[in-house]
């Protein structure tokens, strides 16, 4: 299974970015997907997840109401729409997939990871 994240960049505070994560090599619709982020000197933290089949979503409190996770099963792609960005959102963002339909906030239970895409929010 391969995951390819893209869409990161430099944006001013209050701006928006849309991250994409294209997957291959597995039945995508049955896989829960997650987005995580890691800022320099900090641990990797959960951002959002979306379940397989039900597409139920879950967000970290820090991004709730500003970020939206979605998926397009026909394109084997998961998205993270990020609005009202803040400097504290600056981090490398990683997408991850599980071999199950249930999402999780725990990065250790994800089976596959993409490379990070860097998001920098200037004040």
PDB file of N, CA and C in Angstrom:
ATOM      1  N   UNK A   1       0.848  -1.178   0.000  1.00  0.00           N
ATOM      2  CA  UNK A   1       0.000   0.000   0.000  1.00  0.00           C
ATOM      3  C   UNK A   1       0.891   1.237   0.000  1.00  0.00           C
ATOM      4  N   UNK A   2       0.569   2.164  -0.879  1.00  0.00           N
ATOM      5  CA  UNK A   2       1.323   3.408  -0.938  1.00  0.00           C
ATOM      6  C   UNK A   2       0.388   4.585  -0.738  1.00  0.00           C
ATOM      7  N   UNK A   3       0.851   5.559   0.024  1.00  0.00           N
ATOM      8  CA  UNK A   3       0.101   6.787   0.259  1.00  0.00           C
ATOM      9  C   UNK A   3       0.978   7.958  -0.175  1.00  0.00           C
ATOM     10  N   UNK A   4       0.409   8.870  -0.909  1.00  0.00           N
ATOM     11  CA  UNK A   4       1.132  10.027  -1.409  1.00  0.00           C
ATOM     12  C   UNK A   4       0.382  11.289  -1.020  1.00  0.00           C
ATOM     13  N   UNK A   5       0.949  12.027  -0.065  1.00  0.00           N
ATOM     14  CA  UNK A   5       0.321  13.263   0.405  1.00  0.00           C
ATOM     15  C   UNK A   5       0.840  14.452  -0.394  1.00  0.00           C
ATOM     16  N   UNK A   6      -0.026  15.422  -0.589  1.00  0.00           N
ATOM     17  CA  UNK A   6       0.356  16.631  -1.314  1.00  0.00           C
ATOM     18  C   UNK A   6      -0.548  17.779  -0.884  1.00  0.00           C
ATOM     19  N   UNK A   7      -0.167  18.989  -1.306  1.00  0.00           N
ATOM     20  CA  UNK A   7      -1.016  20.144  -1.055  1.00  0.00           C
ATOM     21  C   UNK A   7      -0.508  21.105  -0.010  1.00  0.00           C
ATOM     22  N   UNK A   8       0.576  20.774   0.651  1.00  0.00           N
ATOM     23  CA  UNK A   8       1.125  21.672   1.642  1.00  0.00           C
ATOM     24  C   UNK A   8       1.715  22.923   1.012  1.00  0.00           C
ATOM     25  N   UNK A   9       2.036  23.900   1.849  1.00  0.00           N
ATOM     26  CA  UNK A   9       2.623  25.133   1.347  1.00  0.00           C
ATOM     27  C   UNK A   9       2.657  26.194   2.402  1.00  0.00           C
ATOM     28  N   UNK A  10       2.952  27.397   1.962  1.00  0.00           N
ATOM     29  CA  UNK A  10       3.026  28.562   2.847  1.00  0.00           C
ATOM     30  C   UNK A  10       1.759  29.387   2.668  1.00  0.00           C
ATOM     31  N   UNK A  11       1.133  29.727   3.780  1.00  0.00           N
ATOM     32  CA  UNK A  11      -0.111  30.496   3.732  1.00  0.00           C
ATOM     33  C   UNK A  11      -0.135  31.452   4.906  1.00  0.00           C
ATOM     34  N   UNK A  12      -0.798  32.576   4.728  1.00  0.00           N
ATOM     35  CA  UNK A  12      -0.934  33.527   5.828  1.00  0.00           C
ATOM     36  C   UNK A  12      -2.023  33.073   6.798  1.00  0.00           C
ATOM     37  N   UNK A  13      -1.900  33.519   8.016  1.00  0.00           N
ATOM     38  CA  UNK A  13      -2.912  33.216   9.017  1.00  0.00           C
ATOM     39  C   UNK A  13      -4.288  33.648   8.508  1.00  0.00           C
ATOM     40  N   UNK A  14      -5.273  32.779   8.733  1.00  0.00           N
ATOM     41  CA  UNK A  14      -6.609  33.030   8.243  1.00  0.00           C
ATOM     42  C   UNK A  14      -6.889  32.431   6.878  1.00  0.00           C
ATOM     43  N   UNK A  15      -5.843  31.964   6.227  1.00  0.00           N
ATOM     44  CA  UNK A  15      -5.980  31.389   4.903  1.00  0.00           C
ATOM     45  C   UNK A  15      -6.393  29.927   4.933  1.00  0.00           C
ATOM     46  N   UNK A  16      -6.426  29.333   3.747  1.00  0.00           N
ATOM     47  CA  UNK A  16      -6.889  27.953   3.594  1.00  0.00           C
ATOM     48  C   UNK A  16      -5.920  27.145   2.741  1.00  0.00           C
ATOM     49  N   UNK A  17      -5.891  25.851   3.008  1.00  0.00           N
ATOM     50  CA  UNK A  17      -5.177  24.889   2.180  1.00  0.00           C
ATOM     51  C   UNK A  17      -5.990  23.609   2.123  1.00  0.00           C
ATOM     52  N   UNK A  18      -5.804  22.862   1.058  1.00  0.00           N
ATOM     53  CA  UNK A  18      -6.460  21.557   0.927  1.00  0.00           C
ATOM     54  C   UNK A  18      -5.388  20.501   0.682  1.00  0.00           C
ATOM     55  N   UNK A  19      -5.264  19.605   1.613  1.00  0.00           N
ATOM     56  CA  UNK A  19      -4.316  18.505   1.468  1.00  0.00           C
ATOM     57  C   UNK A  19      -5.010  17.311   0.815  1.00  0.00           C
ATOM     58  N   UNK A  20      -4.263  16.574   0.034  1.00  0.00           N
ATOM     59  CA  UNK A  20      -4.758  15.355  -0.590  1.00  0.00           C
ATOM     60  C   UNK A  20      -3.833  14.197  -0.257  1.00  0.00           C
ATOM     61  N   UNK A  21      -4.402  13.014  -0.204  1.00  0.00           N
ATOM     62  CA  UNK A  21      -3.609  11.808   0.026  1.00  0.00           C
ATOM     63  C   UNK A  21      -4.144  10.730  -0.910  1.00  0.00           C
ATOM     64  N   UNK A  22      -3.374  10.431  -1.937  1.00  0.00           N
ATOM     65  CA  UNK A  22      -3.758   9.409  -2.900  1.00  0.00           C
ATOM     66  C   UNK A  22      -3.211   8.057  -2.454  1.00  0.00           C
ATOM     67  N   UNK A  23      -4.035   7.028  -2.556  1.00  0.00           N
ATOM     68  CA  UNK A  23      -3.621   5.706  -2.101  1.00  0.00           C
ATOM     69  C   UNK A  23      -3.668   4.706  -3.252  1.00  0.00           C
ATOM     70  N   UNK A  24      -2.922   3.641  -3.091  1.00  0.00           N
ATOM     71  CA  UNK A  24      -2.939   2.565  -4.081  1.00  0.00           C
ATOM     72  C   UNK A  24      -2.584   1.267  -3.397  1.00  0.00           C
ATOM     73  N   UNK A  25      -3.023   0.166  -3.972  1.00  0.00           N
ATOM     74  CA  UNK A  25      -2.601  -1.132  -3.493  1.00  0.00           C
ATOM     75  C   UNK A  25      -3.523  -1.815  -2.513  1.00  0.00           C
ATOM     76  N   UNK A  26      -4.680  -1.239  -2.226  1.00  0.00           N
ATOM     77  CA  UNK A  26      -5.593  -1.860  -1.259  1.00  0.00           C
ATOM     78  C   UNK A  26      -7.006  -1.376  -1.549  1.00  0.00           C
ATOM     79  N   UNK A  27      -7.993  -2.158  -1.095  1.00  0.00           N
ATOM     80  CA  UNK A  27      -9.375  -1.723  -1.225  1.00  0.00           C
ATOM     81  C   UNK A  27      -9.587  -0.506  -0.336  1.00  0.00           C
ATOM     82  N   UNK A  28      -9.556   0.659  -0.938  1.00  0.00           N
ATOM     83  CA  UNK A  28      -9.563   1.912  -0.196  1.00  0.00           C
ATOM     84  C   UNK A  28     -10.837   2.098   0.609  1.00  0.00           C
ATOM     85  N   UNK A  29     -11.971   1.702   0.059  1.00  0.00           N
ATOM     86  CA  UNK A  29     -13.243   1.995   0.715  1.00  0.00           C
ATOM     87  C   UNK A  29     -13.376   1.294   2.063  1.00  0.00           C
ATOM     88  N   UNK A  30     -12.625   0.216   2.287  1.00  0.00           N
ATOM     89  CA  UNK A  30     -12.696  -0.508   3.556  1.00  0.00           C
ATOM     90  C   UNK A  30     -11.687  -0.001   4.586  1.00  0.00           C
ATOM     91  N   UNK A  31     -10.908   0.982   4.231  1.00  0.00           N
ATOM     92  CA  UNK A  31      -9.835   1.459   5.097  1.00  0.00           C
ATOM     93  C   UNK A  31     -10.217   2.749   5.793  1.00  0.00           C
ATOM     94  N   UNK A  32     -10.038   2.767   7.120  1.00  0.00           N
ATOM     95  CA  UNK A  32     -10.123   4.032   7.835  1.00  0.00           C
ATOM     96  C   UNK A  32      -8.872   4.836   7.510  1.00  0.00           C
ATOM     97  N   UNK A  33      -9.058   6.142   7.393  1.00  0.00           N
ATOM     98  CA  UNK A  33      -7.953   7.034   7.052  1.00  0.00           C
ATOM     99  C   UNK A  33      -7.819   8.099   8.128  1.00  0.00           C
ATOM    100  N   UNK A  34      -6.585   8.537   8.334  1.00  0.00           N
ATOM    101  CA  UNK A  34      -6.356   9.577   9.320  1.00  0.00           C
ATOM    102  C   UNK A  34      -5.331  10.581   8.836  1.00  0.00           C
ATOM    103  N   UNK A  35      -5.415  11.771   9.384  1.00  0.00           N
ATOM    104  CA  UNK A  35      -4.400  12.808   9.206  1.00  0.00           C
ATOM    105  C   UNK A  35      -3.773  13.093  10.565  1.00  0.00           C
ATOM    106  N   UNK A  36      -2.466  13.181  10.570  1.00  0.00           N
ATOM    107  CA  UNK A  36      -1.705  13.520  11.757  1.00  0.00           C
ATOM    108  C   UNK A  36      -0.742  14.646  11.398  1.00  0.00           C
ATOM    109  N   UNK A  37      -0.213  15.302  12.398  1.00  0.00           N
ATOM    110  CA  UNK A  37       0.769  16.353  12.135  1.00  0.00           C
ATOM    111  C   UNK A  37       1.860  16.326  13.189  1.00  0.00           C
ATOM    112  N   UNK A  38       3.010  16.826  12.795  1.00  0.00           N
ATOM    113  CA  UNK A  38       4.139  16.866  13.712  1.00  0.00           C
ATOM    114  C   UNK A  38       4.899  18.158  13.499  1.00  0.00           C
ATOM    115  N   UNK A  39       4.926  18.975  14.538  1.00  0.00           N
ATOM    116  CA  UNK A  39       5.684  20.214  14.511  1.00  0.00           C
ATOM    117  C   UNK A  39       7.097  19.947  15.010  1.00  0.00           C
ATOM    118  N   UNK A  40       8.051  20.783  14.638  1.00  0.00           N
ATOM    119  CA  UNK A  40       9.434  20.568  15.084  1.00  0.00           C
ATOM    120  C   UNK A  40       9.541  20.480  16.603  1.00  0.00           C
ATOM    121  N   UNK A  41      10.198  19.438  17.080  1.00  0.00           N
ATOM    122  CA  UNK A  41      10.407  19.270  18.510  1.00  0.00           C
ATOM    123  C   UNK A  41       9.209  18.739  19.271  1.00  0.00           C
ATOM    124  N   UNK A  42       8.142  18.396  18.555  1.00  0.00           N
ATOM    125  CA  UNK A  42       6.935  17.896  19.209  1.00  0.00           C
ATOM    126  C   UNK A  42       6.595  16.498  18.709  1.00  0.00           C
ATOM    127  N   UNK A  43       5.753  15.821  19.465  1.00  0.00           N
ATOM    128  CA  UNK A  43       5.313  14.492  19.063  1.00  0.00           C
ATOM    129  C   UNK A  43       4.242  14.598  17.973  1.00  0.00           C
ATOM    130  N   UNK A  44       4.113  13.515  17.238  1.00  0.00           N
ATOM    131  CA  UNK A  44       3.077  13.459  16.216  1.00  0.00           C
ATOM    132  C   UNK A  44       1.711  13.459  16.898  1.00  0.00           C
ATOM    133  N   UNK A  45       0.789  14.273  16.394  1.00  0.00           N
ATOM    134  CA  UNK A  45      -0.518  14.370  17.019  1.00  0.00           C
ATOM    135  C   UNK A  45      -1.630  14.137  16.002  1.00  0.00           C
ATOM    136  N   UNK A  46      -2.725  13.623  16.519  1.00  0.00           N
ATOM    137  CA  UNK A  46      -3.909  13.345  15.711  1.00  0.00           C
ATOM    138  C   UNK A  46      -4.563  14.643  15.268  1.00  0.00           C
ATOM    139  N   UNK A  47      -5.034  14.644  14.021  1.00  0.00           N
ATOM    140  CA  UNK A  47      -5.768  15.791  13.495  1.00  0.00           C
ATOM    141  C   UNK A  47      -7.213  15.399  13.191  1.00  0.00           C
ATOM    142  N   UNK A  48      -7.400  14.372  12.372  1.00  0.00           N
ATOM    143  CA  UNK A  48      -8.743  13.978  11.961  1.00  0.00           C
ATOM    144  C   UNK A  48      -8.712  12.558  11.428  1.00  0.00           C
ATOM    145  N   UNK A  49      -9.875  11.907  11.495  1.00  0.00           N
ATOM    146  CA  UNK A  49      -9.990  10.565  10.922  1.00  0.00           C
ATOM    147  C   UNK A  49     -11.349  10.415  10.258  1.00  0.00           C
ATOM    148  N   UNK A  50     -11.402   9.481   9.306  1.00  0.00           N
ATOM    149  CA  UNK A  50     -12.654   9.174   8.620  1.00  0.00           C
ATOM    150  C   UNK A  50     -12.726   7.665   8.457  1.00  0.00           C
ATOM    151  N   UNK A  51     -13.859   7.113   8.836  1.00  0.00           N
ATOM    152  CA  UNK A  51     -14.016   5.668   8.812  1.00  0.00           C
ATOM    153  C   UNK A  51     -14.277   5.156   7.402  1.00  0.00           C
ATOM    154  N   UNK A  52     -13.949   3.897   7.197  1.00  0.00           N
ATOM    155  CA  UNK A  52     -14.381   3.245   5.977  1.00  0.00           C
ATOM    156  C   UNK A  52     -15.863   2.937   6.059  1.00  0.00           C
ATOM    157  N   UNK A  53     -16.514   2.747   4.941  1.00  0.00           N
ATOM    158  CA  UNK A  53     -17.933   2.411   4.809  1.00  0.00           C
ATOM    159  C   UNK A  53     -18.852   3.538   5.325  1.00  0.00           C
ATOM    160  N   UNK A  54     -18.846   3.812   6.641  1.00  0.00           N
ATOM    161  CA  UNK A  54     -19.767   4.799   7.214  1.00  0.00           C
ATOM    162  C   UNK A  54     -19.337   6.236   6.947  1.00  0.00           C
ATOM    163  N   UNK A  55     -18.031   6.440   6.724  1.00  0.00           N
ATOM    164  CA  UNK A  55     -17.453   7.785   6.540  1.00  0.00           C
ATOM    165  C   UNK A  55     -17.667   8.675   7.762  1.00  0.00           C
ATOM    166  N   UNK A  56     -17.863   8.095   8.923  1.00  0.00           N
ATOM    167  CA  UNK A  56     -17.975   8.919  10.120  1.00  0.00           C
ATOM    168  C   UNK A  56     -16.628   9.574  10.394  1.00  0.00           C
ATOM    169  N   UNK A  57     -16.672  10.792  10.903  1.00  0.00           N
ATOM    170  CA  UNK A  57     -15.458  11.578  11.090  1.00  0.00           C
ATOM    171  C   UNK A  57     -15.242  11.924  12.558  1.00  0.00           C
ATOM    172  N   UNK A  58     -13.988  12.225  12.859  1.00  0.00           N
ATOM    173  CA  UNK A  58     -13.628  12.626  14.223  1.00  0.00           C
ATOM    174  C   UNK A  58     -12.477  13.603  14.113  1.00  0.00           C
ATOM    175  N   UNK A  59     -12.505  14.641  14.983  1.00  0.00           N
ATOM    176  CA  UNK A  59     -11.508  15.703  14.898  1.00  0.00           C
ATOM    177  C   UNK A  59     -10.867  15.969  16.250  1.00  0.00           C
ATOM    178  N   UNK A  60      -9.634  16.396  16.203  1.00  0.00           N
ATOM    179  CA  UNK A  60      -9.007  16.928  17.397  1.00  0.00           C
ATOM    180  C   UNK A  60      -9.693  18.237  17.762  1.00  0.00           C
ATOM    181  N   UNK A  61      -9.781  18.527  19.037  1.00  0.00           N
ATOM    182  CA  UNK A  61     -10.440  19.751  19.487  1.00  0.00           C
ATOM    183  C   UNK A  61      -9.789  20.989  18.877  1.00  0.00           C
ATOM    184  N   UNK A  62      -8.495  20.922  18.655  1.00  0.00           N
ATOM    185  CA  UNK A  62      -7.768  22.089  18.176  1.00  0.00           C
ATOM    186  C   UNK A  62      -8.124  22.474  16.747  1.00  0.00           C
ATOM    187  N   UNK A  63      -8.727  21.567  15.989  1.00  0.00           N
ATOM    188  CA  UNK A  63      -9.045  21.857  14.594  1.00  0.00           C
ATOM    189  C   UNK A  63     -10.540  21.787  14.318  1.00  0.00           C
ATOM    190  N   UNK A  64     -11.318  21.388  15.296  1.00  0.00           N
ATOM    191  CA  UNK A  64     -12.754  21.219  15.098  1.00  0.00           C
ATOM    192  C   UNK A  64     -13.382  22.539  14.674  1.00  0.00           C
ATOM    193  N   UNK A  65     -14.194  22.473  13.633  1.00  0.00           N
ATOM    194  CA  UNK A  65     -14.835  23.669  13.123  1.00  0.00           C
ATOM    195  C   UNK A  65     -14.020  24.416  12.080  1.00  0.00           C
ATOM    196  N   UNK A  66     -12.754  24.057  11.935  1.00  0.00           N
ATOM    197  CA  UNK A  66     -11.888  24.715  10.948  1.00  0.00           C
ATOM    198  C   UNK A  66     -11.436  23.739   9.857  1.00  0.00           C
ATOM    199  N   UNK A  67     -11.227  22.493  10.217  1.00  0.00           N
ATOM    200  CA  UNK A  67     -10.757  21.487   9.270  1.00  0.00           C
ATOM    201  C   UNK A  67     -11.878  20.513   8.945  1.00  0.00           C
ATOM    202  N   UNK A  68     -11.856  19.992   7.723  1.00  0.00           N
ATOM    203  CA  UNK A  68     -12.831  18.981   7.299  1.00  0.00           C
ATOM    204  C   UNK A  68     -12.113  17.860   6.560  1.00  0.00           C
ATOM    205  N   UNK A  69     -12.310  16.650   7.039  1.00  0.00           N
ATOM    206  CA  UNK A  69     -11.756  15.482   6.360  1.00  0.00           C
ATOM    207  C   UNK A  69     -12.851  14.863   5.498  1.00  0.00           C
ATOM    208  N   UNK A  70     -12.473  14.424   4.318  1.00  0.00           N
ATOM    209  CA  UNK A  70     -13.428  13.788   3.413  1.00  0.00           C
ATOM    210  C   UNK A  70     -12.679  12.764   2.562  1.00  0.00           C
ATOM    211  N   UNK A  71     -13.440  11.963   1.845  1.00  0.00           N
ATOM    212  CA  UNK A  71     -12.804  10.954   1.004  1.00  0.00           C
ATOM    213  C   UNK A  71     -13.593  10.777  -0.280  1.00  0.00           C
ATOM    214  N   UNK A  72     -12.885  10.414  -1.337  1.00  0.00           N
ATOM    215  CA  UNK A  72     -13.481  10.098  -2.619  1.00  0.00           C
ATOM    216  C   UNK A  72     -13.042   8.674  -2.954  1.00  0.00           C
ATOM    217  N   UNK A  73     -13.919   7.717  -2.713  1.00  0.00           N
ATOM    218  CA  UNK A  73     -13.548   6.318  -2.906  1.00  0.00           C
ATOM    219  C   UNK A  73     -13.296   5.995  -4.384  1.00  0.00           C
ATOM    220  N   UNK A  74     -13.953   6.705  -5.268  1.00  0.00           N
ATOM    221  CA  UNK A  74     -13.738   6.456  -6.697  1.00  0.00           C
ATOM    222  C   UNK A  74     -12.319   6.830  -7.115  1.00  0.00           C
ATOM    223  N   UNK A  75     -11.734   7.796  -6.401  1.00  0.00           N
ATOM    224  CA  UNK A  75     -10.377   8.256  -6.713  1.00  0.00           C
ATOM    225  C   UNK A  75      -9.348   7.751  -5.715  1.00  0.00           C
ATOM    226  N   UNK A  76      -9.801   6.926  -4.753  1.00  0.00           N
ATOM    227  CA  UNK A  76      -8.881   6.400  -3.721  1.00  0.00           C
ATOM    228  C   UNK A  76      -8.094   7.518  -3.053  1.00  0.00           C
ATOM    229  N   UNK A  77      -8.791   8.572  -2.715  1.00  0.00           N
ATOM    230  CA  UNK A  77      -8.124   9.757  -2.182  1.00  0.00           C
ATOM    231  C   UNK A  77      -8.869  10.271  -0.961  1.00  0.00           C
ATOM    232  N   UNK A  78      -8.107  10.729   0.024  1.00  0.00           N
ATOM    233  CA  UNK A  78      -8.674  11.390   1.190  1.00  0.00           C
ATOM    234  C   UNK A  78      -8.157  12.824   1.209  1.00  0.00           C
ATOM    235  N   UNK A  79      -9.005  13.729   1.684  1.00  0.00           N
ATOM    236  CA  UNK A  79      -8.688  15.152   1.673  1.00  0.00           C
ATOM    237  C   UNK A  79      -8.741  15.716   3.092  1.00  0.00           C
ATOM    238  N   UNK A  80      -8.027  16.805   3.273  1.00  0.00           N
ATOM    239  CA  UNK A  80      -8.138  17.578   4.503  1.00  0.00           C
ATOM    240  C   UNK A  80      -8.238  19.045   4.108  1.00  0.00           C
ATOM    241  N   UNK A  81      -9.442  19.587   4.208  1.00  0.00           N
ATOM    242  CA  UNK A  81      -9.666  21.005   3.934  1.00  0.00           C
ATOM    243  C   UNK A  81      -9.375  21.769   5.209  1.00  0.00           C
ATOM    244  N   UNK A  82      -8.455  22.703   5.136  1.00  0.00           N
ATOM    245  CA  UNK A  82      -8.032  23.454   6.317  1.00  0.00           C
ATOM    246  C   UNK A  82      -8.348  24.928   6.101  1.00  0.00           C
ATOM    247  N   UNK A  83      -9.252  25.450   6.913  1.00  0.00           N
ATOM    248  CA  UNK A  83      -9.645  26.860   6.836  1.00  0.00           C
ATOM    249  C   UNK A  83      -9.240  27.581   8.114  1.00  0.00           C
ATOM    250  N   UNK A  84      -9.250  28.887   8.049  1.00  0.00           N
ATOM    251  CA  UNK A  84      -8.916  29.722   9.213  1.00  0.00           C
ATOM    252  C   UNK A  84      -7.620  29.254   9.863  1.00  0.00           C
ATOM    253  N   UNK A  85      -6.623  29.066   9.057  1.00  0.00           N
ATOM    254  CA  UNK A  85      -5.362  28.528   9.560  1.00  0.00           C
ATOM    255  C   UNK A  85      -4.687  29.485  10.519  1.00  0.00           C
ATOM    256  N   UNK A  86      -4.012  28.902  11.493  1.00  0.00           N
ATOM    257  CA  UNK A  86      -3.319  29.651  12.528  1.00  0.00           C
ATOM    258  C   UNK A  86      -1.830  29.284  12.504  1.00  0.00           C
ATOM    259  N   UNK A  87      -0.980  30.152  12.996  1.00  0.00           N
ATOM    260  CA  UNK A  87       0.451  29.807  13.036  1.00  0.00           C
ATOM    261  C   UNK A  87       0.727  28.496  13.766  1.00  0.00           C
ATOM    262  N   UNK A  88      -0.067  28.193  14.771  1.00  0.00           N
ATOM    263  CA  UNK A  88       0.145  26.947  15.515  1.00  0.00           C
ATOM    264  C   UNK A  88      -0.247  25.703  14.724  1.00  0.00           C
ATOM    265  N   UNK A  89      -0.823  25.873  13.542  1.00  0.00           N
ATOM    266  CA  UNK A  89      -1.096  24.737  12.662  1.00  0.00           C
ATOM    267  C   UNK A  89       0.136  24.349  11.848  1.00  0.00           C
ATOM    268  N   UNK A  90       1.185  25.134  11.934  1.00  0.00           N
ATOM    269  CA  UNK A  90       2.410  24.842  11.187  1.00  0.00           C
ATOM    270  C   UNK A  90       2.985  23.503  11.615  1.00  0.00           C
ATOM    271  N   UNK A  91       3.179  22.618  10.644  1.00  0.00           N
ATOM    272  CA  UNK A  91       3.669  21.268  10.927  1.00  0.00           C
ATOM    273  C   UNK A  91       3.815  20.507   9.614  1.00  0.00           C
ATOM    274  N   UNK A  92       4.456  19.353   9.716  1.00  0.00           N
ATOM    275  CA  UNK A  92       4.398  18.380   8.630  1.00  0.00           C
ATOM    276  C   UNK A  92       3.137  17.551   8.841  1.00  0.00           C
ATOM    277  N   UNK A  93       2.341  17.426   7.804  1.00  0.00           N
ATOM    278  CA  UNK A  93       1.083  16.688   7.887  1.00  0.00           C
ATOM    279  C   UNK A  93       1.243  15.344   7.184  1.00  0.00           C
ATOM    280  N   UNK A  94       0.794  14.287   7.878  1.00  0.00           N
ATOM    281  CA  UNK A  94       0.921  12.924   7.378  1.00  0.00           C
ATOM    282  C   UNK A  94      -0.453  12.271   7.253  1.00  0.00           C
ATOM    283  N   UNK A  95      -0.671  11.547   6.163  1.00  0.00           N
ATOM    284  CA  UNK A  95      -1.868  10.729   6.067  1.00  0.00           C
ATOM    285  C   UNK A  95      -1.507   9.292   6.402  1.00  0.00           C
ATOM    286  N   UNK A  96      -2.488   8.563   6.895  1.00  0.00           N
ATOM    287  CA  UNK A  96      -2.272   7.187   7.322  1.00  0.00           C
ATOM    288  C   UNK A  96      -3.519   6.369   7.051  1.00  0.00           C
ATOM    289  N   UNK A  97      -3.317   5.048   6.902  1.00  0.00           N
ATOM    290  CA  UNK A  97      -4.424   4.145   6.613  1.00  0.00           C
ATOM    291  C   UNK A  97      -4.392   2.950   7.556  1.00  0.00           C
ATOM    292  N   UNK A  98      -5.557   2.468   7.864  1.00  0.00           N
ATOM    293  CA  UNK A  98      -5.689   1.270   8.692  1.00  0.00           C
ATOM    294  C   UNK A  98      -6.249   0.124   7.862  1.00  0.00           C
ATOM    295  N   UNK A  99      -5.937  -1.114   8.286  1.00  0.00           N
ATOM    296  CA  UNK A  99      -6.493  -2.308   7.648  1.00  0.00           C
ATOM    297  C   UNK A  99      -7.829  -2.667   8.283  1.00  0.00           C
ATOM    298  N   UNK A 100      -8.614  -1.667   8.590  1.00  0.00           N
ATOM    299  CA  UNK A 100      -9.923  -1.868   9.182  1.00  0.00           C
ATOM    300  C   UNK A 100     -10.752  -0.635   8.894  1.00  0.00           C
ATOM    301  N   UNK A 101     -12.062  -0.726   9.084  1.00  0.00           N
ATOM    302  CA  UNK A 101     -12.920   0.409   8.754  1.00  0.00           C
ATOM    303  C   UNK A 101     -12.996   1.445   9.866  1.00  0.00           C
ATOM    304  N   UNK A 102     -12.515   1.129  11.052  1.00  0.00           N
ATOM    305  CA  UNK A 102     -12.681   1.997  12.218  1.00  0.00           C
ATOM    306  C   UNK A 102     -11.515   2.967  12.358  1.00  0.00           C
ATOM    307  N   UNK A 103     -11.836   4.259  12.438  1.00  0.00           N
ATOM    308  CA  UNK A 103     -10.803   5.255  12.630  1.00  0.00           C
ATOM    309  C   UNK A 103     -10.303   5.269  14.066  1.00  0.00           C
ATOM    310  N   UNK A 104      -9.201   5.957  14.287  1.00  0.00           N
ATOM    311  CA  UNK A 104      -8.608   6.024  15.621  1.00  0.00           C
ATOM    312  C   UNK A 104      -7.761   7.285  15.743  1.00  0.00           C
ATOM    313  N   UNK A 105      -7.635   7.773  16.977  1.00  0.00           N
ATOM    314  CA  UNK A 105      -6.750   8.912  17.238  1.00  0.00           C
ATOM    315  C   UNK A 105      -5.332   8.449  17.542  1.00  0.00           C
ATOM    316  N   UNK A 106      -5.129   7.152  17.691  1.00  0.00           N
ATOM    317  CA  UNK A 106      -3.838   6.594  18.078  1.00  0.00           C
ATOM    318  C   UNK A 106      -2.989   6.289  16.848  1.00  0.00           C
ATOM    319  N   UNK A 107      -1.886   6.997  16.655  1.00  0.00           N
ATOM    320  CA  UNK A 107      -1.077   6.749  15.455  1.00  0.00           C
ATOM    321  C   UNK A 107      -0.498   5.332  15.413  1.00  0.00           C
ATOM    322  N   UNK A 108      -0.345   4.692  16.529  1.00  0.00           N
ATOM    323  CA  UNK A 108       0.281   3.365  16.560  1.00  0.00           C
ATOM    324  C   UNK A 108      -0.572   2.283  15.910  1.00  0.00           C
ATOM    325  N   UNK A 109      -1.856   2.533  15.762  1.00  0.00           N
ATOM    326  CA  UNK A 109      -2.723   1.494  15.196  1.00  0.00           C
ATOM    327  C   UNK A 109      -2.902   1.646  13.688  1.00  0.00           C
ATOM    328  N   UNK A 110      -2.268   2.654  13.112  1.00  0.00           N
ATOM    329  CA  UNK A 110      -2.330   2.816  11.663  1.00  0.00           C
ATOM    330  C   UNK A 110      -1.226   1.976  11.022  1.00  0.00           C
ATOM    331  N   UNK A 111      -1.559   1.351   9.909  1.00  0.00           N
ATOM    332  CA  UNK A 111      -0.678   0.373   9.295  1.00  0.00           C
ATOM    333  C   UNK A 111       0.196   0.940   8.187  1.00  0.00           C
ATOM    334  N   UNK A 112      -0.281   1.973   7.553  1.00  0.00           N
ATOM    335  CA  UNK A 112       0.450   2.531   6.415  1.00  0.00           C
ATOM    336  C   UNK A 112       0.510   4.048   6.552  1.00  0.00           C
ATOM    337  N   UNK A 113       1.637   4.607   6.135  1.00  0.00           N
ATOM    338  CA  UNK A 113       1.849   6.045   6.262  1.00  0.00           C
ATOM    339  C   UNK A 113       2.393   6.614   4.956  1.00  0.00           C
ATOM    340  N   UNK A 114       1.957   7.837   4.672  1.00  0.00           N
ATOM    341  CA  UNK A 114       2.538   8.562   3.569  1.00  0.00           C
ATOM    342  C   UNK A 114       3.683   9.430   4.044  1.00  0.00           C
ATOM    343  N   UNK A 115       4.367  10.035   3.123  1.00  0.00           N
ATOM    344  CA  UNK A 115       5.406  10.984   3.498  1.00  0.00           C
ATOM    345  C   UNK A 115       4.707  12.285   3.928  1.00  0.00           C
ATOM    346  N   UNK A 116       5.356  13.094   4.680  1.00  0.00           N
ATOM    347  CA  UNK A 116       4.734  14.325   5.156  1.00  0.00           C
ATOM    348  C   UNK A 116       4.666  15.389   4.081  1.00  0.00           C
ATOM    349  N   UNK A 117       3.691  16.272   4.219  1.00  0.00           N
ATOM    350  CA  UNK A 117       3.625  17.464   3.399  1.00  0.00           C
ATOM    351  C   UNK A 117       3.623  18.656   4.349  1.00  0.00           C
ATOM    352  N   UNK A 118       4.493  19.611   4.088  1.00  0.00           N
ATOM    353  CA  UNK A 118       4.733  20.681   5.038  1.00  0.00           C
ATOM    354  C   UNK A 118       3.737  21.818   4.874  1.00  0.00           C
ATOM    355  N   UNK A 119       3.140  22.200   5.985  1.00  0.00           N
ATOM    356  CA  UNK A 119       2.239  23.352   6.035  1.00  0.00           C
ATOM    357  C   UNK A 119       2.867  24.411   6.935  1.00  0.00           C
ATOM    358  N   UNK A 120       3.035  25.596   6.393  1.00  0.00           N
ATOM    359  CA  UNK A 120       3.600  26.703   7.156  1.00  0.00           C
ATOM    360  C   UNK A 120       2.619  27.864   7.138  1.00  0.00           C
ATOM    361  N   UNK A 121       2.211  28.307   8.318  1.00  0.00           N
ATOM    362  CA  UNK A 121       1.258  29.400   8.443  1.00  0.00           C
ATOM    363  C   UNK A 121       1.980  30.589   9.060  1.00  0.00           C
ATOM    364  N   UNK A 122       2.055  31.663   8.310  1.00  0.00           N
ATOM    365  CA  UNK A 122       2.746  32.859   8.795  1.00  0.00           C
ATOM    366  C   UNK A 122       1.755  33.797   9.478  1.00  0.00           C
ATOM    367  N   UNK A 123       2.253  34.510  10.465  1.00  0.00           N
ATOM    368  CA  UNK A 123       1.382  35.438  11.216  1.00  0.00           C
ATOM    369  C   UNK A 123       1.376  36.818  10.599  1.00  0.00           C
TER     370      UNK A 123
END
